[in-house]
Amino acid sequence: MQCEVFPFRVKLRNPLTVKQASLRFRDGYLISLTSDDITGWGEASPLPAWSRVGISEVGEELRRAKEKINSSDFRGFDEGINGLVHTSYGHAGLTGAWADMQAQQSARPLVDDLLHRQGLQSVSIENSAKHEHESDSTAPVSATVSASIENSTKHEAGRDVFDDSKSARVVRVNALISAVELSEVEKQADAAVNAGFDTVKLKVGFKAPDIDVQRAKVARSALGVKPELRLDANQSWQSDTAVYVLSNVQSCNISFCEDPVSTVPCGMSAIAEVEKASGVRTAVDESIRSVADVEAAVAAGVRMIVVKPQALGGPEKALKIIKRAYNAGADVVVTSFMDTAIGVTHAFHIAAAADQLARYSGMSLLAHGIATGSLIVGDLASSLPVESGFIRVPSVVGLGVVAHEPVG
């Protein structure tokens, strides 16, 4: 096996505000693993102001892992993984590349191989192609799968939920609004509706509370009554501010607010208390790092879990957390990390697997936060296309995208 680590820097189309920090670039590493002329790709890119480790620390651990992998046989991969003691990002990049390579060797799309390795049935490429042909694959996604998406949310005892090929081959995704000016918020909301999205997430918490209230009201007015509107505060508020803002946007029919406050030092109960006081459902994101964190959130009364596979350490760890959340009766939304197309596509396959697990568990199918390809200029791979608020599982084996050459 041969491992390569490629540092990268890509430009964001618009600055991204995370906890008062304005980011214009995304830095990270692409990882490739090659065996028997099959190459798998992964990504490791901590997000400044959000991640608990820096880019240099991730890079150093990846370089040590690369040396171990390239100096030995397949046991070197285990040694390289075991050496990643400080960062989940390197672990996510290496295990993601491994999962891509394994799926290609098994002749399955990555989502199907992930489910297979979890001991769950999945939809084969042949069945997928057959059903898409029968349902007219040239028609818009929303036209061919909307009915099956609705039906797939209804769990039936004894039914093999993985037979619903049409709904299993697409993932519903949300649009993202990060604009500050009210006119721009309105413009982005209009664009989301016109593009066919039925779910929109509005970034909040980096302006005065009253401005965020106005932004939410403008977004709701532009979206109309039906589309789902979510908020994401990235732990930017104090409890009293969170309650004030959320109480004042109840008329906007907010589906939930991610991370309204920090869980430090009060734990998950801090988020749950905001939900009780404001009447708006809350979700926990940044504090989810393990199965124990999910259990703590549910015990505190938070039943919406946001899963970022890269921050958790890759596909296997992410799926363990997703399964635990569903078993505890909590809903799950999978989001990308402002990654390149490599990282976003990994998150997409995990979101597709999460949807299969949701069907099996009788949980709701929610829109996932993985339609972020347009936010990067000069991406390192071609993004999976978003069609009317859906992304199709590509009918190819493995990840379905390959990094452009040369990478650098």
Protein backbone atom coordinates (compact mmCIF):
# COMPACT_ATOMS: atom_id res chain seq x y z
CA MET A 1 0.00 0.00 0.00
CA GLN A 2 1.20 3.50 -0.82
CA CYS A 3 0.08 6.61 1.09
CA GLU A 4 0.45 10.20 -0.10
CA VAL A 5 -0.41 13.42 1.75
CA PHE A 6 -1.09 16.59 -0.24
CA PRO A 7 -1.40 19.99 1.49
CA PHE A 8 -3.91 22.37 -0.08
CA ARG A 9 -5.37 25.84 0.18
CA VAL A 10 -8.61 26.83 -1.57
CA LYS A 11 -10.40 30.15 -1.56
CA LEU A 12 -13.91 30.61 -0.21
CA ARG A 13 -16.26 32.41 -2.57
CA ASN A 14 -17.41 34.62 0.30
CA PRO A 15 -15.83 35.08 3.75
CA LEU A 16 -17.16 32.66 6.36
CA THR A 17 -17.73 33.90 9.91
CA VAL A 18 -17.12 31.28 12.60
CA LYS A 19 -17.22 32.46 16.22
CA GLN A 20 -16.37 36.02 15.24
CA ALA A 21 -13.46 34.88 13.03
CA SER A 22 -13.71 35.70 9.33
CA LEU A 23 -12.24 32.98 7.09
CA ARG A 24 -11.32 33.54 3.46
CA PHE A 25 -9.48 30.28 2.76
CA ARG A 26 -9.72 26.61 3.68
CA ASP A 27 -6.46 24.82 4.38
CA GLY A 28 -6.01 21.11 4.81
CA TYR A 29 -4.65 17.87 3.44
CA LEU A 30 -5.87 15.35 0.89
CA ILE A 31 -4.81 11.77 1.57
CA SER A 32 -4.56 9.02 -1.02
CA LEU A 33 -4.15 5.29 -0.39
CA THR A 34 -3.25 3.08 -3.34
CA SER A 35 -3.21 -0.71 -3.55
CA ASP A 36 -3.43 -2.93 -6.62
CA ASP A 37 -3.82 0.16 -8.82
CA ILE A 38 -6.91 1.30 -6.90
CA THR A 39 -6.70 4.68 -5.17
CA GLY A 40 -8.95 5.93 -2.41
CA TRP A 41 -9.20 9.56 -1.34
CA GLY A 42 -9.80 11.24 2.00
CA GLU A 43 -9.59 14.74 3.47
CA ALA A 44 -8.30 16.21 6.73
CA SER A 45 -9.05 19.92 7.15
CA PRO A 46 -9.67 21.33 10.65
CA LEU A 47 -11.75 24.51 10.67
CA PRO A 48 -10.07 27.48 12.39
CA ALA A 49 -11.99 28.86 15.41
CA TRP A 50 -14.12 25.69 15.45
CA SER A 51 -11.67 22.78 15.65
CA ARG A 52 -9.73 21.91 18.77
CA VAL A 53 -6.48 21.29 16.89
CA GLY A 54 -4.55 23.29 14.31
CA ILE A 55 -3.58 22.53 10.73
CA SER A 56 0.12 22.07 11.59
CA GLU A 57 -0.65 19.44 14.22
CA VAL A 58 -2.82 17.52 11.78
CA GLY A 59 -0.13 17.71 9.11
CA GLU A 60 2.60 16.44 11.41
CA GLU A 61 0.56 13.43 12.50
CA LEU A 62 -0.35 12.62 8.92
CA ARG A 63 3.31 12.73 7.87
CA ARG A 64 4.22 10.27 10.64
CA ALA A 65 1.34 8.00 9.64
CA LYS A 66 2.44 8.13 6.00
CA GLU A 67 5.95 6.98 6.93
CA LYS A 68 4.59 4.00 8.85
CA ILE A 69 2.19 2.99 6.09
CA ASN A 70 4.79 3.25 3.32
CA SER A 71 7.48 1.39 5.26
CA SER A 72 5.47 -1.76 5.90
CA ASP A 73 2.74 -4.01 4.54
CA PHE A 74 -0.96 -3.65 5.37
CA ARG A 75 -0.08 -3.76 9.06
CA GLY A 76 1.52 -0.38 8.53
CA PHE A 77 -1.93 1.12 8.01
CA ASP A 78 -3.03 0.01 11.46
CA GLU A 79 0.20 1.37 12.93
CA GLY A 80 -0.35 4.68 11.14
CA ILE A 81 -3.93 4.95 12.39
CA ASN A 82 -2.94 4.05 15.93
CA GLY A 83 -0.39 6.86 15.88
CA LEU A 84 -3.11 9.48 15.38
CA VAL A 85 -3.58 10.20 19.06
CA HIS A 86 -4.33 13.94 18.96
CA THR A 87 -6.55 14.61 16.00
CA SER A 88 -9.75 13.12 14.62
CA TYR A 89 -9.14 14.88 11.32
CA GLY A 90 -6.15 12.79 10.32
CA HIS A 91 -8.10 9.71 11.36
CA ALA A 92 -11.04 10.81 9.20
CA GLY A 93 -8.78 11.44 6.21
CA LEU A 94 -7.00 8.09 6.41
CA THR A 95 -10.06 5.98 7.19
CA GLY A 96 -12.02 7.84 4.52
CA ALA A 97 -9.37 7.01 1.91
CA TRP A 98 -9.37 3.42 3.14
CA ALA A 99 -13.17 3.20 2.91
CA ASP A 100 -13.11 4.60 -0.64
CA MET A 101 -10.46 2.08 -1.69
CA GLN A 102 -12.32 -0.81 -0.06
CA ALA A 103 -15.60 0.16 -1.72
CA GLN A 104 -13.91 0.26 -5.13
CA GLN A 105 -12.35 -3.15 -4.51
CA SER A 106 -15.80 -4.47 -3.53
CA ALA A 107 -17.39 -2.89 -6.63
CA ARG A 108 -19.94 -0.92 -4.58
CA PRO A 109 -20.76 2.77 -4.15
CA LEU A 110 -19.29 3.93 -0.84
CA VAL A 111 -22.68 4.22 0.92
CA ASP A 112 -23.55 0.64 0.00
CA ASP A 113 -20.19 -0.66 1.18
CA LEU A 114 -20.50 1.24 4.48
CA LEU A 115 -23.91 -0.31 5.08
CA HIS A 116 -22.65 -3.74 4.05
CA ARG A 117 -19.82 -3.50 6.58
CA GLN A 118 -22.40 -2.54 9.20
CA GLY A 119 -24.22 -5.79 8.41
CA LEU A 120 -27.10 -4.00 6.69
CA GLN A 121 -28.65 -4.62 3.29
CA SER A 122 -28.25 -1.93 0.67
CA VAL A 123 -29.34 -1.24 -2.88
CA SER A 124 -27.11 -2.65 -5.61
CA ILE A 125 -25.89 -0.62 -8.55
CA GLU A 126 -27.80 -2.92 -10.92
CA ASN A 127 -31.09 -2.49 -9.05
CA SER A 128 -30.53 1.24 -8.84
CA ALA A 129 -29.98 1.54 -12.59
CA LYS A 130 -33.04 -0.62 -13.27
CA HIS A 131 -35.33 1.46 -11.06
CA GLU A 132 -34.01 4.76 -12.40
CA HIS A 133 -34.66 3.57 -15.96
CA GLU A 134 -38.19 2.51 -15.04
CA SER A 135 -38.90 5.86 -13.39
CA ASP A 136 -37.43 7.93 -16.24
CA SER A 137 -34.02 9.00 -14.97
CA THR A 138 -34.07 12.03 -17.30
CA ALA A 139 -36.85 13.62 -15.23
CA PRO A 140 -35.98 16.08 -12.46
CA VAL A 141 -35.06 14.47 -9.15
CA SER A 142 -37.98 16.12 -7.38
CA ALA A 143 -40.40 14.61 -9.90
CA THR A 144 -39.03 11.06 -9.77
CA VAL A 145 -38.52 10.60 -6.03
CA SER A 146 -40.74 12.99 -4.09
CA ALA A 147 -43.44 10.37 -3.56
CA SER A 148 -40.99 7.67 -2.52
CA ILE A 149 -39.22 10.07 -0.16
CA GLU A 150 -42.53 10.73 1.54
CA ASN A 151 -43.39 7.04 1.71
CA SER A 152 -39.96 6.07 3.02
CA THR A 153 -40.48 8.11 6.18
CA LYS A 154 -43.25 5.72 7.22
CA HIS A 155 -41.72 2.70 8.93
CA GLU A 156 -43.72 -0.48 8.45
CA ALA A 157 -43.13 -3.43 10.78
CA GLY A 158 -41.66 -6.38 8.93
CA ARG A 159 -41.02 -4.42 5.74
CA ASP A 160 -37.56 -4.60 4.17
CA VAL A 161 -36.96 -0.86 4.17
CA PHE A 162 -33.89 -1.11 1.97
CA ASP A 163 -35.93 -2.18 -1.08
CA ASP A 164 -37.10 1.38 -1.80
CA SER A 165 -34.50 1.97 -4.49
CA LYS A 166 -35.66 5.32 -5.79
CA SER A 167 -35.65 7.10 -2.44
CA ALA A 168 -32.49 5.27 -1.35
CA ARG A 169 -30.50 6.73 -4.25
CA VAL A 170 -30.98 10.40 -3.36
CA VAL A 171 -30.31 12.55 -0.32
CA ARG A 172 -32.27 15.70 0.52
CA VAL A 173 -30.01 18.68 1.32
CA ASN A 174 -30.45 22.20 2.67
CA ALA A 175 -29.36 25.52 1.25
CA LEU A 176 -27.17 27.85 3.34
CA ILE A 177 -27.66 31.58 3.91
CA SER A 178 -24.77 33.44 5.50
CA ALA A 179 -25.41 36.96 4.14
CA VAL A 180 -25.52 39.79 6.67
CA GLU A 181 -27.40 42.55 4.85
CA LEU A 182 -31.16 42.09 4.81
CA SER A 183 -31.36 42.59 1.06
CA GLU A 184 -28.76 39.85 0.54
CA VAL A 185 -30.58 37.51 2.94
CA GLU A 186 -33.73 38.03 0.89
CA LYS A 187 -31.85 37.46 -2.36
CA GLN A 188 -30.25 34.21 -1.13
CA ALA A 189 -33.58 32.93 0.21
CA ASP A 190 -35.25 33.66 -3.15
CA ALA A 191 -32.42 31.85 -4.93
CA ALA A 192 -32.82 28.80 -2.67
CA VAL A 193 -36.54 28.55 -3.38
CA ASN A 194 -36.01 29.02 -7.12
CA ALA A 195 -33.37 26.26 -7.07
CA GLY A 196 -35.88 23.84 -5.56
CA PHE A 197 -34.63 23.64 -1.96
CA ASP A 198 -37.30 22.96 0.65
CA THR A 199 -34.93 23.48 3.61
CA VAL A 200 -32.70 26.47 4.37
CA LYS A 201 -30.21 27.12 7.17
CA LEU A 202 -29.50 30.71 8.23
CA LYS A 203 -26.20 31.47 9.98
CA VAL A 204 -26.74 33.70 13.03
CA GLY A 205 -24.84 34.83 16.10
CA PHE A 206 -22.24 37.11 14.55
CA LYS A 207 -24.35 40.28 14.59
CA ALA A 208 -26.46 42.09 17.19
CA PRO A 209 -29.44 40.03 18.43
CA ASP A 210 -32.04 42.39 16.95
CA ILE A 211 -30.33 42.17 13.56
CA ASP A 212 -30.51 38.38 13.70
CA VAL A 213 -34.20 38.62 14.51
CA GLN A 214 -34.71 40.83 11.45
CA ARG A 215 -32.62 38.49 9.27
CA ALA A 216 -34.73 35.50 10.31
CA LYS A 217 -37.95 37.37 9.58
CA VAL A 218 -36.70 38.49 6.16
CA ALA A 219 -35.61 34.93 5.34
CA ARG A 220 -39.00 33.54 6.34
CA SER A 221 -40.85 36.16 4.31
CA ALA A 222 -38.76 35.43 1.22
CA LEU A 223 -39.04 31.64 1.62
CA GLY A 224 -42.79 31.65 2.10
CA VAL A 225 -44.70 29.46 4.51
CA LYS A 226 -43.75 25.92 3.46
CA PRO A 227 -39.93 25.64 3.33
CA GLU A 228 -38.16 24.61 6.52
CA LEU A 229 -36.01 27.31 8.13
CA ARG A 230 -33.17 26.42 10.50
CA LEU A 231 -30.77 28.61 12.46
CA ASP A 232 -27.12 27.95 13.33
CA ALA A 233 -25.53 30.12 16.02
CA ASN A 234 -22.21 28.23 16.37
CA GLN A 235 -22.32 28.65 20.18
CA SER A 236 -22.09 32.43 19.77
CA TRP A 237 -24.79 33.50 22.23
CA GLN A 238 -25.09 33.67 25.98
CA SER A 239 -28.19 31.94 27.33
CA ASP A 240 -30.21 35.13 27.82
CA THR A 241 -29.38 36.31 24.28
CA ALA A 242 -30.30 32.94 22.81
CA VAL A 243 -33.66 32.93 24.58
CA TYR A 244 -34.30 36.53 23.50
CA VAL A 245 -33.59 35.88 19.81
CA LEU A 246 -35.42 32.56 19.61
CA SER A 247 -38.44 33.86 21.50
CA ASN A 248 -38.68 36.73 19.04
CA VAL A 249 -38.56 34.53 15.93
CA GLN A 250 -41.26 32.06 16.93
CA SER A 251 -43.50 33.54 14.26
CA CYS A 252 -40.88 32.43 11.70
CA ASN A 253 -41.62 28.75 12.38
CA ILE A 254 -38.00 27.84 13.06
CA SER A 255 -37.54 24.06 12.89
CA PHE A 256 -34.51 24.11 15.19
CA CYS A 257 -31.43 26.13 16.15
CA GLU A 258 -28.00 24.52 16.18
CA ASP A 259 -25.67 25.27 19.09
CA PRO A 260 -27.40 28.38 20.43
CA VAL A 261 -24.98 28.42 23.39
CA SER A 262 -21.77 26.73 24.46
CA THR A 263 -22.01 23.56 26.52
CA VAL A 264 -18.98 24.69 28.56
CA PRO A 265 -19.12 24.65 31.55
CA CYS A 266 -22.79 23.68 32.04
CA GLY A 267 -22.86 20.65 29.73
CA MET A 268 -25.66 19.69 27.36
CA SER A 269 -28.25 21.05 29.80
CA ALA A 270 -27.29 24.58 28.71
CA ILE A 271 -28.72 23.93 25.24
CA ALA A 272 -31.74 22.08 26.60
CA GLU A 273 -32.59 25.00 28.91
CA VAL A 274 -32.62 27.39 25.96
CA GLU A 275 -35.12 25.10 24.22
CA LYS A 276 -37.38 25.02 27.26
CA ALA A 277 -37.25 28.77 27.79
CA SER A 278 -37.69 29.82 24.16
CA GLY A 279 -40.03 27.17 22.83
CA VAL A 280 -37.75 26.62 19.80
CA ARG A 281 -36.20 23.20 19.30
CA THR A 282 -32.41 23.08 19.68
CA ALA A 283 -29.69 20.86 18.25
CA VAL A 284 -26.20 20.04 19.47
CA ASP A 285 -23.29 20.09 17.04
CA GLU A 286 -19.86 21.09 18.25
CA SER A 287 -20.02 19.14 21.50
CA ILE A 288 -20.73 15.81 19.76
CA ARG A 289 -17.48 13.87 19.63
CA SER A 290 -18.48 10.42 20.87
CA VAL A 291 -21.36 8.06 21.63
CA ALA A 292 -21.16 9.26 25.25
CA ASP A 293 -21.83 12.83 24.06
CA VAL A 294 -24.98 11.67 22.28
CA GLU A 295 -26.15 9.93 25.43
CA ALA A 296 -25.47 13.07 27.47
CA ALA A 297 -27.41 15.23 25.01
CA VAL A 298 -30.42 12.91 25.01
CA ALA A 299 -30.35 12.64 28.79
CA ALA A 300 -30.41 16.45 29.01
CA GLY A 301 -33.42 16.62 26.69
CA VAL A 302 -31.77 17.51 23.36
CA ARG A 303 -33.06 15.24 20.61
CA MET A 304 -31.48 16.70 17.51
CA ILE A 305 -27.89 15.63 16.81
CA VAL A 306 -25.68 17.23 14.16
CA VAL A 307 -22.95 14.91 12.87
CA LYS A 308 -19.76 16.20 11.23
CA PRO A 309 -17.94 13.04 10.07
CA GLN A 310 -14.56 14.72 9.72
CA ALA A 311 -14.62 16.11 13.25
CA LEU A 312 -15.67 12.70 14.58
CA GLY A 313 -12.88 10.72 12.95
CA GLY A 314 -14.35 9.28 9.78
CA PRO A 315 -17.13 7.02 8.53
CA GLU A 316 -17.05 4.19 11.08
CA LYS A 317 -17.10 6.51 14.10
CA ALA A 318 -19.77 8.72 12.53
CA LEU A 319 -22.05 5.76 11.85
CA LYS A 320 -21.69 4.49 15.42
CA ILE A 321 -22.85 7.87 16.69
CA ILE A 322 -25.71 8.01 14.18
CA LYS A 323 -26.95 4.56 15.18
CA ARG A 324 -26.79 5.46 18.87
CA ALA A 325 -28.74 8.65 18.25
CA TYR A 326 -31.50 6.84 16.38
CA ASN A 327 -31.66 4.14 19.04
CA ALA A 328 -32.14 6.88 21.64
CA GLY A 329 -34.96 8.49 19.65
CA ALA A 330 -32.94 11.50 18.48
CA ASP A 331 -33.02 12.88 14.94
CA VAL A 332 -29.78 13.28 12.97
CA VAL A 333 -28.53 15.80 10.43
CA VAL A 334 -25.17 15.14 8.75
CA THR A 335 -23.20 18.21 7.71
CA SER A 336 -19.98 18.83 5.88
CA PHE A 337 -17.21 21.00 7.23
CA MET A 338 -16.76 23.54 4.45
CA ASP A 339 -14.56 20.80 2.97
CA THR A 340 -13.40 20.40 -0.57
CA ALA A 341 -15.44 18.11 -2.80
CA ILE A 342 -13.52 15.11 -1.41
CA GLY A 343 -14.60 15.76 2.18
CA VAL A 344 -18.12 16.85 1.21
CA THR A 345 -18.67 13.68 -0.82
CA HIS A 346 -17.53 11.55 2.11
CA ALA A 347 -20.10 13.37 4.27
CA PHE A 348 -22.70 12.79 1.53
CA HIS A 349 -22.22 9.02 1.58
CA ILE A 350 -22.50 9.00 5.37
CA ALA A 351 -25.69 11.08 5.09
CA ALA A 352 -27.05 8.54 2.60
CA ALA A 353 -26.20 5.76 5.05
CA ALA A 354 -27.86 7.75 7.84
CA ASP A 355 -31.04 7.95 5.76
CA GLN A 356 -31.02 4.17 5.36
CA LEU A 357 -30.59 3.78 9.12
CA ALA A 358 -33.43 6.27 9.67
CA ARG A 359 -35.75 4.19 7.49
CA TYR A 360 -34.78 1.08 9.39
CA SER A 361 -35.32 2.81 12.76
CA GLY A 362 -38.56 4.54 11.81
CA MET A 363 -36.97 7.99 12.28
CA SER A 364 -37.54 11.12 10.19
CA LEU A 365 -35.64 11.76 6.98
CA LEU A 366 -34.21 15.27 7.29
CA ALA A 367 -32.30 17.48 4.87
CA HIS A 368 -28.55 17.28 5.40
CA GLY A 369 -26.04 20.15 5.30
CA ILE A 370 -23.84 18.97 2.46
CA ALA A 371 -24.71 21.28 -0.45
CA THR A 372 -21.63 23.45 0.04
CA GLY A 373 -19.69 22.84 -3.17
CA SER A 374 -20.50 26.26 -4.62
CA LEU A 375 -18.87 28.00 -1.63
CA ILE A 376 -15.33 27.10 -2.76
CA VAL A 377 -13.46 28.64 -5.70
CA GLY A 378 -11.22 26.25 -7.65
CA ASP A 379 -12.25 23.08 -5.85
CA LEU A 380 -9.95 20.05 -5.86
CA ALA A 381 -12.54 17.73 -7.41
CA SER A 382 -15.86 17.99 -9.18
CA SER A 383 -18.76 18.24 -6.73
CA LEU A 384 -21.77 15.96 -6.99
CA PRO A 385 -24.52 18.05 -8.60
CA VAL A 386 -27.45 19.32 -6.55
CA GLU A 387 -30.78 18.92 -8.36
CA SER A 388 -33.89 20.56 -6.90
CA GLY A 389 -32.58 20.20 -3.34
CA PHE A 390 -31.41 16.58 -3.79
CA ILE A 391 -28.09 14.86 -4.51
CA ARG A 392 -28.07 11.50 -6.25
CA VAL A 393 -25.84 8.62 -5.17
CA PRO A 394 -23.46 8.30 -8.13
CA SER A 395 -23.80 5.03 -10.05
CA VAL A 396 -20.08 4.33 -9.81
CA VAL A 397 -18.07 2.40 -7.26
CA GLY A 398 -16.35 4.03 -4.31
CA LEU A 399 -16.56 7.69 -3.43
CA GLY A 400 -17.60 8.77 -6.90
CA VAL A 401 -15.17 11.72 -7.14
CA VAL A 402 -11.42 11.83 -7.68
CA ALA A 403 -9.03 14.66 -6.84
CA HIS A 404 -7.80 16.68 -9.79
CA GLU A 405 -4.16 16.28 -10.76
CA PRO A 406 -1.84 17.74 -9.79
CA VAL A 407 -2.92 18.32 -6.18
CA GLY A 408 -1.11 21.10 -4.39
